[in-house]
């Protein structure tokens, strides 16, 4: 698994959540993130990085839960 790519994607999502939190003109009630995969042998409900390794949903949800707009709101797991 390429930890550098995973870390870069994590930082990108963290930055977006930080941008949302720090923009006083924004008010969010929902967030939709779409992940698309070119991996032909992928399993439904799994998230893959660009090397085909599975990324844990909990890692993504921890970042989203850190946002003041989405903290405490229901998440699809």
Protein backbone atom coordinates (compact mmCIF):
# COMPACT_ATOMS: atom_id res chain seq x y z
CA UNK A 1 0.00 0.00 0.00
CA UNK A 2 1.37 3.43 -0.91
CA UNK A 3 1.20 5.31 2.39
CA UNK A 4 2.23 8.57 0.68
CA UNK A 5 -0.79 8.56 -1.61
CA UNK A 6 -3.14 7.67 1.23
CA UNK A 7 -1.67 10.45 3.38
CA UNK A 8 -1.98 12.95 0.49
CA UNK A 9 -5.65 12.06 0.01
CA UNK A 10 -6.23 12.32 3.75
CA UNK A 11 -4.65 15.80 3.83
CA UNK A 12 -6.82 16.86 0.87
CA UNK A 13 -10.01 15.80 2.68
CA UNK A 14 -8.83 17.41 5.93
CA UNK A 15 -8.16 20.68 4.05
CA UNK A 16 -11.62 20.64 2.45
CA UNK A 17 -13.29 20.07 5.85
CA UNK A 18 -11.18 22.90 7.31
CA UNK A 19 -12.16 25.22 4.44
CA UNK A 20 -15.83 24.44 5.08
CA UNK A 21 -15.47 25.06 8.83
CA UNK A 22 -13.71 28.40 8.33
CA UNK A 23 -16.02 29.96 5.73
CA UNK A 24 -18.62 32.00 7.66
CA UNK A 25 -20.88 32.26 4.61
CA UNK A 26 -21.35 28.49 4.40
CA UNK A 27 -23.99 26.46 6.18
CA UNK A 28 -24.06 22.76 5.41
CA UNK A 29 -26.63 20.16 6.38
CA UNK A 30 -25.27 17.35 4.25
CA UNK A 31 -22.15 16.14 2.53
CA UNK A 32 -21.86 13.74 -0.39
CA UNK A 33 -18.52 12.22 -1.34
CA UNK A 34 -18.29 10.00 -4.39
CA UNK A 35 -15.46 7.56 -4.83
CA UNK A 36 -15.08 5.94 -8.22
CA UNK A 37 -12.89 2.95 -8.90
CA UNK A 38 -11.39 1.63 -12.08
CA UNK A 39 -10.61 -1.65 -10.40
CA UNK A 40 -12.54 -4.32 -12.27
CA UNK A 41 -12.48 -6.86 -9.45
CA UNK A 42 -13.65 -4.48 -6.72
CA UNK A 43 -16.18 -5.48 -4.07
CA UNK A 44 -19.33 -3.46 -3.47
CA UNK A 45 -19.05 -1.24 -0.42
CA UNK A 46 -15.24 -1.16 -0.44
CA UNK A 47 -13.11 1.94 -1.02
CA UNK A 48 -9.82 1.46 -2.85
CA UNK A 49 -6.81 3.74 -3.19
CA UNK A 50 -5.07 4.22 -6.54
CA UNK A 51 -2.93 1.13 -5.90
CA UNK A 52 -5.99 -1.06 -5.40
CA UNK A 53 -5.57 -1.33 -1.63
CA UNK A 54 -8.64 -1.04 0.59
CA UNK A 55 -9.01 2.22 2.54
CA UNK A 56 -10.86 1.92 5.84
CA UNK A 57 -14.08 3.94 6.00
CA UNK A 58 -13.33 4.78 9.63
CA UNK A 59 -10.33 6.84 8.51
CA UNK A 60 -12.55 8.92 6.23
CA UNK A 61 -15.35 9.24 8.80
CA UNK A 62 -12.92 10.44 11.49
CA UNK A 63 -11.95 13.38 9.27
CA UNK A 64 -15.59 14.23 8.48
CA UNK A 65 -16.60 13.92 12.14
CA UNK A 66 -13.96 16.53 12.97
CA UNK A 67 -15.92 19.17 11.03
CA UNK A 68 -18.20 21.35 13.13
CA UNK A 69 -20.92 21.17 10.47
CA UNK A 70 -21.01 17.39 10.36
CA UNK A 71 -20.12 16.47 13.94
CA UNK A 72 -22.90 14.45 15.54
CA UNK A 73 -24.87 14.07 12.31
CA UNK A 74 -25.77 10.60 11.06
CA UNK A 75 -23.35 8.94 8.65
CA UNK A 76 -23.82 6.03 6.27
CA UNK A 77 -21.21 3.47 7.17
